Amino acid sequence: MSRQEFHIGKITPIKDSKNKTPLQIAEMLNVFIDYHSEDDWNAKSFISHKGVYYKIDDSEFEESDYIQEYSKNSDSSISYISSFYNGGTCLSQELEEIIDKCF
């Protein structure tokens, strides 16, 4: 069932990730991933946008009002607060929109 989602978090670009595969990124970061498809990878804790991978540190809360606030930090990461109706979009699409607005 679709519902309103409210997220607070930070997305950080992974250095030297341009045009690498999810498995190469995992190897670079020395992390294990349960990788079945690009969608699985994006849904967990990383997102790929325009050839660059970003690490997602996200928390979801109960909230009903629409909000989208974000700021680019000095380390090139982006802090965000975002709510959206998940019947029309998903977290990865919301984060891609925020990345586009910041760069």
Protein backbone atom coordinates (compact mmCIF):
# COMPACT_ATOMS: atom_id res chain seq x y z
CA MET A 1 0.00 0.00 0.00
CA SER A 2 1.28 3.45 -0.89
CA ARG A 3 1.95 6.00 1.82
CA GLN A 4 3.79 9.22 2.60
CA GLU A 5 7.47 8.68 3.54
CA PHE A 6 9.70 11.07 5.50
CA HIS A 7 13.51 10.68 5.31
CA ILE A 8 16.45 12.47 6.91
CA GLY A 9 19.96 11.63 5.82
CA LYS A 10 23.13 12.34 3.95
CA ILE A 11 24.47 11.20 0.57
CA THR A 12 28.22 11.21 0.03
CA PRO A 13 29.97 10.78 -3.33
CA ILE A 14 32.37 7.86 -3.38
CA LYS A 15 35.75 9.01 -4.71
CA ASP A 16 36.98 7.36 -7.91
CA SER A 17 33.62 5.62 -8.47
CA LYS A 18 32.78 7.04 -11.90
CA ASN A 19 31.84 4.29 -14.37
CA LYS A 20 32.64 1.42 -11.99
CA THR A 21 30.29 -1.51 -11.32
CA PRO A 22 28.58 -2.05 -7.95
CA LEU A 23 30.87 -5.02 -7.29
CA GLN A 24 33.97 -2.90 -8.00
CA ILE A 25 32.68 -0.24 -5.59
CA ALA A 26 32.10 -2.85 -2.89
CA GLU A 27 35.63 -4.11 -3.41
CA MET A 28 37.02 -0.54 -3.20
CA LEU A 29 35.16 0.04 0.08
CA ASN A 30 35.91 -3.45 1.40
CA VAL A 31 32.22 -4.11 2.08
CA PHE A 32 30.03 -7.12 1.40
CA ILE A 33 26.92 -6.52 -0.67
CA ASP A 34 24.05 -8.85 -1.38
CA TYR A 35 23.94 -7.87 -5.05
CA HIS A 36 21.32 -9.33 -7.37
CA SER A 37 20.56 -6.38 -9.65
CA GLU A 38 21.20 -2.66 -10.02
CA ASP A 39 17.84 -1.99 -8.30
CA ASP A 40 18.83 -4.07 -5.26
CA TRP A 41 22.12 -2.18 -4.99
CA ASN A 42 20.45 1.24 -5.17
CA ALA A 43 17.73 0.33 -2.68
CA LYS A 44 20.14 -0.67 0.08
CA SER A 45 22.71 1.99 0.92
CA PHE A 46 24.12 3.28 -2.34
CA ILE A 47 22.81 5.10 -5.39
CA SER A 48 24.33 5.54 -8.83
CA HIS A 49 23.55 8.78 -10.62
CA LYS A 50 25.14 9.93 -13.88
CA GLY A 51 27.96 7.40 -13.50
CA VAL A 52 28.91 8.41 -9.94
CA TYR A 53 28.11 6.31 -6.85
CA TYR A 54 26.92 7.87 -3.60
CA LYS A 55 26.74 6.29 -0.15
CA ILE A 56 23.34 6.79 1.51
CA ASP A 57 23.01 7.25 5.27
CA ASP A 58 19.23 7.43 5.71
CA SER A 59 16.64 7.24 8.47
CA GLU A 60 12.92 7.02 7.87
CA PHE A 61 10.40 8.61 10.25
CA GLU A 62 6.62 8.90 10.49
CA GLU A 63 5.54 12.28 9.09
CA SER A 64 2.77 13.47 6.81
CA ASP A 65 3.70 16.94 5.51
CA TYR A 66 5.59 17.42 2.23
CA ILE A 67 9.08 18.82 2.63
CA GLN A 68 12.28 18.82 0.62
CA GLU A 69 15.27 20.61 2.09
CA TYR A 70 18.89 19.90 1.29
CA SER A 71 22.32 21.49 1.52
CA LYS A 72 25.65 20.73 -0.07
CA ASN A 73 28.38 20.29 2.56
CA SER A 74 32.05 21.29 2.29
CA ASP A 75 33.06 17.62 1.82
CA SER A 76 30.78 17.37 -1.29
CA SER A 77 28.18 15.34 0.62
CA ILE A 78 24.55 16.45 0.64
CA SER A 79 22.42 16.55 3.79
CA TYR A 80 18.70 16.21 3.16
CA ILE A 81 15.24 16.11 4.68
CA SER A 82 12.64 14.84 2.26
CA SER A 83 9.12 13.52 2.30
CA PHE A 84 7.24 12.06 -0.64
CA TYR A 85 4.32 9.85 -1.56
CA ASN A 86 5.80 6.46 -2.41
CA GLY A 87 2.98 5.68 -4.85
CA GLY A 88 4.50 8.20 -7.26
CA THR A 89 8.25 8.02 -6.59
CA CYS A 90 10.84 6.21 -4.49
CA LEU A 91 13.80 7.24 -2.35
CA SER A 92 16.38 6.74 -5.12
CA GLN A 93 14.40 8.99 -7.52
CA GLU A 94 14.02 11.60 -4.80
CA LEU A 95 17.79 11.54 -4.13
CA GLU A 96 18.61 11.80 -7.84
CA GLU A 97 16.49 14.96 -8.01
CA ILE A 98 18.33 16.41 -5.00
CA ILE A 99 21.74 15.58 -6.53
CA ASP A 100 20.74 17.30 -9.78
CA LYS A 101 19.67 20.43 -7.86
CA CYS A 102 22.97 20.56 -5.94
CA PHE A 103 25.38 20.09 -8.84
